[in-house]
PDB file of N, CA and C in Angstrom:
ATOM      1  N   MET A   1      36.230-117.119 152.288  1.00  0.00           N
ATOM      2  CA  MET A   1      36.226-116.496 153.587  1.00  0.00           C
ATOM      3  C   MET A   1      35.669-115.072 153.467  1.00  0.00           C
ATOM      4  N   PRO A   2      34.660-114.707 154.289  1.00  0.00           N
ATOM      5  CA  PRO A   2      34.050-113.378 154.182  1.00  0.00           C
ATOM      6  C   PRO A   2      35.021-112.258 154.557  1.00  0.00           C
ATOM      7  N   LYS A   3      34.876-111.135 153.897  1.00  0.00           N
ATOM      8  CA  LYS A   3      35.684-109.955 154.191  1.00  0.00           C
ATOM      9  C   LYS A   3      34.791-108.919 154.867  1.00  0.00           C
ATOM     10  N   THR A   4      35.345-108.245 155.864  1.00  0.00           N
ATOM     11  CA  THR A   4      34.629-107.180 156.546  1.00  0.00           C
ATOM     12  C   THR A   4      35.381-105.877 156.337  1.00  0.00           C
ATOM     13  N   TYR A   5      34.648-104.848 155.942  1.00  0.00           N
ATOM     14  CA  TYR A   5      35.217-103.524 155.740  1.00  0.00           C
ATOM     15  C   TYR A   5      34.651-102.587 156.797  1.00  0.00           C
ATOM     16  N   LEU A   6      35.511-101.766 157.393  1.00  0.00           N
ATOM     17  CA  LEU A   6      35.096-100.767 158.366  1.00  0.00           C
ATOM     18  C   LEU A   6      35.368 -99.393 157.773  1.00  0.00           C
ATOM     19  N   LEU A   7      34.313 -98.588 157.679  1.00  0.00           N
ATOM     20  CA  LEU A   7      34.451 -97.214 157.199  1.00  0.00           C
ATOM     21  C   LEU A   7      34.149 -96.276 158.362  1.00  0.00           C
ATOM     22  N   ILE A   8      35.031 -95.317 158.594  1.00  0.00           N
ATOM     23  CA  ILE A   8      34.836 -94.338 159.659  1.00  0.00           C
ATOM     24  C   ILE A   8      34.487 -93.000 159.008  1.00  0.00           C
ATOM     25  N   ILE A   9      33.326 -92.481 159.368  1.00  0.00           N
ATOM     26  CA  ILE A   9      32.871 -91.196 158.836  1.00  0.00           C
ATOM     27  C   ILE A   9      32.937 -90.192 159.979  1.00  0.00           C
ATOM     28  N   ASN A  10      33.777 -89.174 159.823  1.00  0.00           N
ATOM     29  CA  ASN A  10      33.880 -88.154 160.862  1.00  0.00           C
ATOM     30  C   ASN A  10      33.610 -86.758 160.327  1.00  0.00           C
ATOM     31  N   GLU A  11      32.949 -86.672 159.198  1.00  0.00           N
ATOM     32  CA  GLU A  11      32.551 -85.401 158.600  1.00  0.00           C
ATOM     33  C   GLU A  11      31.035 -85.298 158.611  1.00  0.00           C
ATOM     34  N   GLY A  12      30.523 -84.094 158.693  1.00  0.00           N
ATOM     35  CA  GLY A  12      29.082 -83.869 158.651  1.00  0.00           C
ATOM     36  C   GLY A  12      28.503 -84.301 157.310  1.00  0.00           C
ATOM     37  N   PRO A  13      27.182 -84.380 157.235  1.00  0.00           N
ATOM     38  CA  PRO A  13      26.556 -84.910 156.028  1.00  0.00           C
ATOM     39  C   PRO A  13      26.649 -84.004 154.799  1.00  0.00           C
ATOM     40  N   TYR A  14      26.768 -82.704 154.996  1.00  0.00           N
ATOM     41  CA  TYR A  14      26.771 -81.789 153.853  1.00  0.00           C
ATOM     42  C   TYR A  14      27.904 -80.778 153.994  1.00  0.00           C
ATOM     43  N   GLY A  15      28.273 -80.149 152.903  1.00  0.00           N
ATOM     44  CA  GLY A  15      29.368 -79.181 152.915  1.00  0.00           C
ATOM     45  C   GLY A  15      30.580 -79.688 152.155  1.00  0.00           C
ATOM     46  N   ASN A  16      30.745 -80.999 152.119  1.00  0.00           N
ATOM     47  CA  ASN A  16      31.778 -81.626 151.295  1.00  0.00           C
ATOM     48  C   ASN A  16      31.241 -83.005 150.893  1.00  0.00           C
ATOM     49  N   GLU A  17      32.003 -83.729 150.130  1.00  0.00           N
ATOM     50  CA  GLU A  17      31.520 -85.016 149.615  1.00  0.00           C
ATOM     51  C   GLU A  17      32.088 -86.221 150.333  1.00  0.00           C
ATOM     52  N   ARG A  18      32.794 -86.031 151.430  1.00  0.00           N
ATOM     53  CA  ARG A  18      33.439 -87.160 152.098  1.00  0.00           C
ATOM     54  C   ARG A  18      32.441 -88.177 152.628  1.00  0.00           C
ATOM     55  N   SER A  19      31.404 -87.724 153.305  1.00  0.00           N
ATOM     56  CA  SER A  19      30.395 -88.649 153.842  1.00  0.00           C
ATOM     57  C   SER A  19      29.663 -89.349 152.712  1.00  0.00           C
ATOM     58  N   TYR A  20      29.298 -88.590 151.695  1.00  0.00           N
ATOM     59  CA  TYR A  20      28.616 -89.160 150.531  1.00  0.00           C
ATOM     60  C   TYR A  20      29.474 -90.230 149.876  1.00  0.00           C
ATOM     61  N   ASN A  21      30.761 -89.943 149.666  1.00  0.00           N
ATOM     62  CA  ASN A  21      31.643 -90.911 149.011  1.00  0.00           C
ATOM     63  C   ASN A  21      31.840 -92.155 149.864  1.00  0.00           C
ATOM     64  N   ALA A  22      31.932 -91.997 151.178  1.00  0.00           N
ATOM     65  CA  ALA A  22      32.080 -93.158 152.062  1.00  0.00           C
ATOM     66  C   ALA A  22      30.841 -94.050 151.986  1.00  0.00           C
ATOM     67  N   LEU A  23      29.664 -93.443 151.985  1.00  0.00           N
ATOM     68  CA  LEU A  23      28.434 -94.241 151.914  1.00  0.00           C
ATOM     69  C   LEU A  23      28.254 -94.856 150.529  1.00  0.00           C
ATOM     70  N   ARG A  24      28.672 -94.148 149.513  1.00  0.00           N
ATOM     71  CA  ARG A  24      28.606 -94.706 148.161  1.00  0.00           C
ATOM     72  C   ARG A  24      29.520 -95.924 148.050  1.00  0.00           C
ATOM     73  N   LEU A  25      30.712 -95.848 148.640  1.00  0.00           N
ATOM     74  CA  LEU A  25      31.626 -96.984 148.664  1.00  0.00           C
ATOM     75  C   LEU A  25      31.014 -98.139 149.454  1.00  0.00           C
ATOM     76  N   ALA A  26      30.417 -97.842 150.595  1.00  0.00           N
ATOM     77  CA  ALA A  26      29.786 -98.886 151.413  1.00  0.00           C
ATOM     78  C   ALA A  26      28.694 -99.606 150.625  1.00  0.00           C
ATOM     79  N   LEU A  27      27.872 -98.857 149.908  1.00  0.00           N
ATOM     80  CA  LEU A  27      26.787 -99.476 149.130  1.00  0.00           C
ATOM     81  C   LEU A  27      27.333-100.368 148.023  1.00  0.00           C
ATOM     82  N   GLU A  28      28.422 -99.957 147.401  1.00  0.00           N
ATOM     83  CA  GLU A  28      29.032-100.788 146.351  1.00  0.00           C
ATOM     84  C   GLU A  28      29.666-102.039 146.945  1.00  0.00           C
ATOM     85  N   LEU A  29      30.330-101.915 148.085  1.00  0.00           N
ATOM     86  CA  LEU A  29      30.936-103.080 148.734  1.00  0.00           C
ATOM     87  C   LEU A  29      29.884-104.099 149.145  1.00  0.00           C
ATOM     88  N   LEU A  30      28.718-103.620 149.564  1.00  0.00           N
ATOM     89  CA  LEU A  30      27.652-104.533 149.981  1.00  0.00           C
ATOM     90  C   LEU A  30      27.106-105.375 148.825  1.00  0.00           C
ATOM     91  N   LYS A  31      27.386-104.971 147.603  1.00  0.00           N
ATOM     92  CA  LYS A  31      26.947-105.744 146.438  1.00  0.00           C
ATOM     93  C   LYS A  31      27.839-106.967 146.195  1.00  0.00           C
ATOM     94  N   LEU A  32      29.021-106.974 146.786  1.00  0.00           N
ATOM     95  CA  LEU A  32      29.951-108.084 146.588  1.00  0.00           C
ATOM     96  C   LEU A  32      29.539-109.280 147.430  1.00  0.00           C
ATOM     97  N   PRO A  33      29.721-110.496 146.897  1.00  0.00           N
ATOM     98  CA  PRO A  33      29.377-111.678 147.685  1.00  0.00           C
ATOM     99  C   PRO A  33      30.320-111.841 148.881  1.00  0.00           C
ATOM    100  N   GLU A  34      29.784-112.380 149.954  1.00  0.00           N
ATOM    101  CA  GLU A  34      30.554-112.661 151.172  1.00  0.00           C
ATOM    102  C   GLU A  34      31.304-111.439 151.692  1.00  0.00           C
ATOM    103  N   THR A  35      30.618-110.305 151.698  1.00  0.00           N
ATOM    104  CA  THR A  35      31.215-109.062 152.168  1.00  0.00           C
ATOM    105  C   THR A  35      30.320-108.449 153.231  1.00  0.00           C
ATOM    106  N   ALA A  36      30.936-108.013 154.332  1.00  0.00           N
ATOM    107  CA  ALA A  36      30.220-107.307 155.390  1.00  0.00           C
ATOM    108  C   ALA A  36      30.800-105.898 155.483  1.00  0.00           C
ATOM    109  N   VAL A  37      29.931-104.937 155.767  1.00  0.00           N
ATOM    110  CA  VAL A  37      30.353-103.548 155.886  1.00  0.00           C
ATOM    111  C   VAL A  37      29.895-102.999 157.225  1.00  0.00           C
ATOM    112  N   GLN A  38      30.820-102.358 157.915  1.00  0.00           N
ATOM    113  CA  GLN A  38      30.514-101.671 159.164  1.00  0.00           C
ATOM    114  C   GLN A  38      30.859-100.199 158.979  1.00  0.00           C
ATOM    115  N   VAL A  39      29.955 -99.323 159.410  1.00  0.00           N
ATOM    116  CA  VAL A  39      30.188 -97.884 159.328  1.00  0.00           C
ATOM    117  C   VAL A  39      30.151 -97.328 160.739  1.00  0.00           C
ATOM    118  N   PHE A  40      31.193 -96.603 161.098  1.00  0.00           N
ATOM    119  CA  PHE A  40      31.288 -95.984 162.414  1.00  0.00           C
ATOM    120  C   PHE A  40      31.189 -94.485 162.227  1.00  0.00           C
ATOM    121  N   LEU A  41      30.180 -93.867 162.845  1.00  0.00           N
ATOM    122  CA  LEU A  41      29.980 -92.421 162.752  1.00  0.00           C
ATOM    123  C   LEU A  41      30.636 -91.763 163.959  1.00  0.00           C
ATOM    124  N   LEU A  42      31.628 -90.934 163.700  1.00  0.00           N
ATOM    125  CA  LEU A  42      32.445 -90.342 164.755  1.00  0.00           C
ATOM    126  C   LEU A  42      32.364 -88.821 164.661  1.00  0.00           C
ATOM    127  N   GLY A  43      32.251 -88.134 165.783  1.00  0.00           N
ATOM    128  CA  GLY A  43      32.239 -86.664 165.800  1.00  0.00           C
ATOM    129  C   GLY A  43      31.107 -86.107 164.962  1.00  0.00           C
ATOM    130  N   ASP A  44      31.431 -85.204 164.031  1.00  0.00           N
ATOM    131  CA  ASP A  44      30.420 -84.593 163.167  1.00  0.00           C
ATOM    132  C   ASP A  44      29.720 -85.618 162.276  1.00  0.00           C
ATOM    133  N   GLY A  45      30.352 -86.759 162.070  1.00  0.00           N
ATOM    134  CA  GLY A  45      29.745 -87.812 161.262  1.00  0.00           C
ATOM    135  C   GLY A  45      28.456 -88.347 161.850  1.00  0.00           C
ATOM    136  N   ALA A  46      28.275 -88.202 163.169  1.00  0.00           N
ATOM    137  CA  ALA A  46      27.037 -88.662 163.810  1.00  0.00           C
ATOM    138  C   ALA A  46      25.824 -87.894 163.285  1.00  0.00           C
ATOM    139  N   GLN A  47      26.038 -86.696 162.751  1.00  0.00           N
ATOM    140  CA  GLN A  47      24.936 -85.923 162.174  1.00  0.00           C
ATOM    141  C   GLN A  47      24.348 -86.602 160.937  1.00  0.00           C
ATOM    142  N   CYS A  48      25.092 -87.516 160.338  1.00  0.00           N
ATOM    143  CA  CYS A  48      24.586 -88.241 159.169  1.00  0.00           C
ATOM    144  C   CYS A  48      23.380 -89.098 159.531  1.00  0.00           C
ATOM    145  N   ALA A  49      23.279 -89.497 160.799  1.00  0.00           N
ATOM    146  CA  ALA A  49      22.177 -90.356 161.246  1.00  0.00           C
ATOM    147  C   ALA A  49      20.973 -89.552 161.712  1.00  0.00           C
ATOM    148  N   HIS A  50      21.043 -88.235 161.641  1.00  0.00           N
ATOM    149  CA  HIS A  50      19.944 -87.384 162.087  1.00  0.00           C
ATOM    150  C   HIS A  50      18.716 -87.614 161.210  1.00  0.00           C
ATOM    151  N   ALA A  51      17.576 -87.894 161.843  1.00  0.00           N
ATOM    152  CA  ALA A  51      16.332 -88.166 161.103  1.00  0.00           C
ATOM    153  C   ALA A  51      15.748 -86.869 160.538  1.00  0.00           C
ATOM    154  N   ALA A  52      15.039 -86.996 159.443  1.00  0.00           N
ATOM    155  CA  ALA A  52      14.320 -85.885 158.791  1.00  0.00           C
ATOM    156  C   ALA A  52      15.267 -84.742 158.429  1.00  0.00           C
ATOM    157  N   GLN A  53      16.346 -85.071 157.766  1.00  0.00           N
ATOM    158  CA  GLN A  53      17.313 -84.059 157.351  1.00  0.00           C
ATOM    159  C   GLN A  53      16.721 -83.148 156.285  1.00  0.00           C
ATOM    160  N   ASP A  54      17.087 -81.900 156.337  1.00  0.00           N
ATOM    161  CA  ASP A  54      16.724 -80.947 155.290  1.00  0.00           C
ATOM    162  C   ASP A  54      17.875 -80.941 154.290  1.00  0.00           C
ATOM    163  N   THR A  55      17.713 -81.691 153.223  1.00  0.00           N
ATOM    164  CA  THR A  55      18.786 -81.864 152.246  1.00  0.00           C
ATOM    165  C   THR A  55      18.925 -80.616 151.378  1.00  0.00           C
ATOM    166  N   PRO A  56      20.112 -80.010 151.345  1.00  0.00           N
ATOM    167  CA  PRO A  56      20.314 -78.848 150.482  1.00  0.00           C
ATOM    168  C   PRO A  56      20.126 -79.223 149.009  1.00  0.00           C
ATOM    169  N   GLN A  57      19.682 -78.261 148.223  1.00  0.00           N
ATOM    170  CA  GLN A  57      19.473 -78.505 146.801  1.00  0.00           C
ATOM    171  C   GLN A  57      20.791 -78.914 146.148  1.00  0.00           C
ATOM    172  N   GLY A  58      20.727 -79.968 145.348  1.00  0.00           N
ATOM    173  CA  GLY A  58      21.897 -80.454 144.637  1.00  0.00           C
ATOM    174  C   GLY A  58      22.684 -81.522 145.377  1.00  0.00           C
ATOM    175  N   TYR A  59      22.250 -81.894 146.586  1.00  0.00           N
ATOM    176  CA  TYR A  59      22.929 -82.917 147.363  1.00  0.00           C
ATOM    177  C   TYR A  59      22.079 -84.181 147.443  1.00  0.00           C
ATOM    178  N   TYR A  60      22.729 -85.317 147.629  1.00  0.00           N
ATOM    179  CA  TYR A  60      22.020 -86.567 147.895  1.00  0.00           C
ATOM    180  C   TYR A  60      21.604 -86.588 149.356  1.00  0.00           C
ATOM    181  N   ASN A  61      20.533 -87.295 149.664  1.00  0.00           N
ATOM    182  CA  ASN A  61      20.056 -87.395 151.036  1.00  0.00           C
ATOM    183  C   ASN A  61      20.900 -88.435 151.769  1.00  0.00           C
ATOM    184  N   ILE A  62      21.778 -87.973 152.648  1.00  0.00           N
ATOM    185  CA  ILE A  62      22.691 -88.843 153.373  1.00  0.00           C
ATOM    186  C   ILE A  62      21.925 -89.763 154.312  1.00  0.00           C
ATOM    187  N   GLU A  63      20.842 -89.276 154.888  1.00  0.00           N
ATOM    188  CA  GLU A  63      20.033 -90.097 155.794  1.00  0.00           C
ATOM    189  C   GLU A  63      19.523 -91.346 155.080  1.00  0.00           C
ATOM    190  N   ARG A  64      19.012 -91.184 153.870  1.00  0.00           N
ATOM    191  CA  ARG A  64      18.502 -92.337 153.104  1.00  0.00           C
ATOM    192  C   ARG A  64      19.627 -93.300 152.741  1.00  0.00           C
ATOM    193  N   MET A  65      20.764 -92.754 152.359  1.00  0.00           N
ATOM    194  CA  MET A  65      21.899 -93.613 152.011  1.00  0.00           C
ATOM    195  C   MET A  65      22.355 -94.417 153.227  1.00  0.00           C
ATOM    196  N   LEU A  66      22.419 -93.760 154.385  1.00  0.00           N
ATOM    197  CA  LEU A  66      22.839 -94.439 155.606  1.00  0.00           C
ATOM    198  C   LEU A  66      21.830 -95.516 156.007  1.00  0.00           C
ATOM    199  N   HIS A  67      20.562 -95.224 155.823  1.00  0.00           N
ATOM    200  CA  HIS A  67      19.520 -96.220 156.130  1.00  0.00           C
ATOM    201  C   HIS A  67      19.685 -97.444 155.234  1.00  0.00           C
ATOM    202  N   SER A  68      20.009 -97.230 153.979  1.00  0.00           N
ATOM    203  CA  SER A  68      20.217 -98.342 153.052  1.00  0.00           C
ATOM    204  C   SER A  68      21.425 -99.186 153.468  1.00  0.00           C
ATOM    205  N   VAL A  69      22.484 -98.533 153.905  1.00  0.00           N
ATOM    206  CA  VAL A  69      23.662 -99.270 154.380  1.00  0.00           C
ATOM    207  C   VAL A  69      23.302-100.048 155.641  1.00  0.00           C
ATOM    208  N   ALA A  70      22.586 -99.411 156.559  1.00  0.00           N
ATOM    209  CA  ALA A  70      22.222-100.051 157.829  1.00  0.00           C
ATOM    210  C   ALA A  70      21.318-101.257 157.624  1.00  0.00           C
ATOM    211  N   SER A  71      20.495-101.240 156.589  1.00  0.00           N
ATOM    212  CA  SER A  71      19.590-102.366 156.349  1.00  0.00           C
ATOM    213  C   SER A  71      20.342-103.612 155.885  1.00  0.00           C
ATOM    214  N   ARG A  72      21.569-103.435 155.352  1.00  0.00           N
ATOM    215  CA  ARG A  72      22.358-104.571 154.862  1.00  0.00           C
ATOM    216  C   ARG A  72      23.684-104.734 155.571  1.00  0.00           C
ATOM    217  N   GLY A  73      24.062-103.741 156.356  1.00  0.00           N
ATOM    218  CA  GLY A  73      25.337-103.783 157.077  1.00  0.00           C
ATOM    219  C   GLY A  73      25.117-103.362 158.507  1.00  0.00           C
ATOM    220  N   THR A  74      26.148-102.792 159.123  1.00  0.00           N
ATOM    221  CA  THR A  74      26.081-102.365 160.512  1.00  0.00           C
ATOM    222  C   THR A  74      26.532-100.926 160.606  1.00  0.00           C
ATOM    223  N   VAL A  75      25.791-100.123 161.384  1.00  0.00           N
ATOM    224  CA  VAL A  75      26.153 -98.720 161.592  1.00  0.00           C
ATOM    225  C   VAL A  75      26.255 -98.481 163.091  1.00  0.00           C
ATOM    226  N   TYR A  76      27.381 -97.897 163.505  1.00  0.00           N
ATOM    227  CA  TYR A  76      27.605 -97.555 164.908  1.00  0.00           C
ATOM    228  C   TYR A  76      27.660 -96.033 165.040  1.00  0.00           C
ATOM    229  N   THR A  77      27.002 -95.515 166.080  1.00  0.00           N
ATOM    230  CA  THR A  77      27.077 -94.073 166.347  1.00  0.00           C
ATOM    231  C   THR A  77      27.689 -93.816 167.696  1.00  0.00           C
TER     232      THR A  77
END
């Protein structure tokens, strides 16, 4: 029976690692068989979906990570 995971991101893309860690978890969950992942961007988390982000030095590009999750899962804004 397939499992569905819902991750709620309500933090902005940079300044802390919460959004990064949530997307990293989503990408790992998507590797499991019969697993669906849904990501809900709430409040400041909606900034993670902003196109053409200027990624600060030393940070991962949250936009690219979110695009990768969206290509295999579902993202709601």
